[in-house]
């Protein structure tokens, strides 16, 4: 009985992960079509408000976000 419950909950988890993955893929496609970058952090980000923007054409920018106005200032292009 416990195995059945465990397998059932794992199935639900897998279904949720599959739906989430499909949603993320759809969102990334929309962002690409709108030329909106993905944002991430790596070792080039020296301050908490710095991010790397990865654009659909492959170029990257190091940006600094003004936490009051939420405006991004480009610091460097890669």
Protein backbone atom coordinates (compact mmCIF):
# COMPACT_ATOMS: atom_id res chain seq x y z
CA UNK A 1 0.00 0.00 0.00
CA UNK A 2 2.80 2.46 0.89
CA UNK A 3 4.52 1.68 -2.41
CA UNK A 4 1.31 2.47 -4.30
CA UNK A 5 0.97 5.83 -2.53
CA UNK A 6 4.64 6.65 -3.17
CA UNK A 7 4.38 5.75 -6.86
CA UNK A 8 1.18 7.79 -7.15
CA UNK A 9 2.76 10.89 -5.60
CA UNK A 10 5.83 10.52 -7.81
CA UNK A 11 3.56 10.37 -10.82
CA UNK A 12 1.92 13.61 -9.76
CA UNK A 13 5.34 15.18 -9.25
CA UNK A 14 6.47 14.03 -12.69
CA UNK A 15 3.29 15.45 -14.24
CA UNK A 16 3.96 18.80 -12.55
CA UNK A 17 7.57 18.81 -13.68
CA UNK A 18 6.50 18.03 -17.25
CA UNK A 19 3.92 20.85 -17.24
CA UNK A 20 6.46 23.26 -15.77
CA UNK A 21 9.06 22.30 -18.37
CA UNK A 22 6.57 22.83 -21.21
CA UNK A 23 5.60 26.21 -19.74
CA UNK A 24 9.23 27.32 -19.45
CA UNK A 25 9.91 26.25 -23.04
CA UNK A 26 6.87 28.21 -24.25
CA UNK A 27 7.90 31.28 -22.25
CA UNK A 28 11.48 31.14 -23.59
CA UNK A 29 10.09 31.02 -27.14
CA UNK A 30 7.96 34.11 -26.48
CA UNK A 31 10.91 35.95 -24.94
CA UNK A 32 13.09 35.07 -27.92
CA UNK A 33 10.49 36.32 -30.39
CA UNK A 34 10.28 39.60 -28.45
CA UNK A 35 14.13 39.87 -28.22
CA UNK A 36 13.93 39.87 -24.42
CA UNK A 37 17.08 38.53 -22.74
CA UNK A 38 17.39 35.82 -20.15
CA UNK A 39 19.07 37.08 -16.97
CA UNK A 40 21.53 35.08 -14.90
CA UNK A 41 24.52 35.56 -12.61
CA UNK A 42 28.07 34.30 -12.92
CA UNK A 43 31.56 35.32 -11.79
CA UNK A 44 31.41 38.49 -13.91
CA UNK A 45 28.74 39.86 -11.55
CA UNK A 46 30.74 41.54 -8.79
CA UNK A 47 27.82 43.20 -6.98
CA UNK A 48 24.41 41.87 -5.90
CA UNK A 49 22.61 44.16 -8.37
CA UNK A 50 24.65 43.05 -11.39
CA UNK A 51 23.30 40.51 -13.88
CA UNK A 52 24.27 38.99 -17.21
CA UNK A 53 21.67 39.44 -19.95
CA UNK A 54 21.79 36.74 -22.63
CA UNK A 55 20.01 37.88 -25.79
CA UNK A 56 18.44 35.52 -28.35
CA UNK A 57 21.17 36.37 -30.90
CA UNK A 58 23.77 35.07 -28.42
CA UNK A 59 25.40 38.30 -27.26
CA UNK A 60 25.67 39.02 -23.57
CA UNK A 61 25.68 42.20 -21.53
CA UNK A 62 26.76 42.84 -17.96
CA UNK A 63 24.14 45.16 -16.51
CA UNK A 64 23.63 46.89 -13.19
CA UNK A 65 20.06 47.25 -11.95
CA UNK A 66 19.11 50.41 -10.06
CA UNK A 67 17.06 48.86 -7.25
CA UNK A 68 15.02 52.04 -6.78
CA UNK A 69 13.99 52.68 -10.39
CA UNK A 70 14.51 49.09 -11.64
CA UNK A 71 16.36 50.48 -14.67
CA UNK A 72 19.21 48.45 -16.14
CA UNK A 73 22.46 50.21 -17.04
CA UNK A 74 24.74 48.37 -19.47
CA UNK A 75 28.27 48.10 -18.07
CA UNK A 76 29.88 45.85 -20.65
CA UNK A 77 28.99 43.92 -23.79
CA UNK A 78 30.43 40.50 -24.61
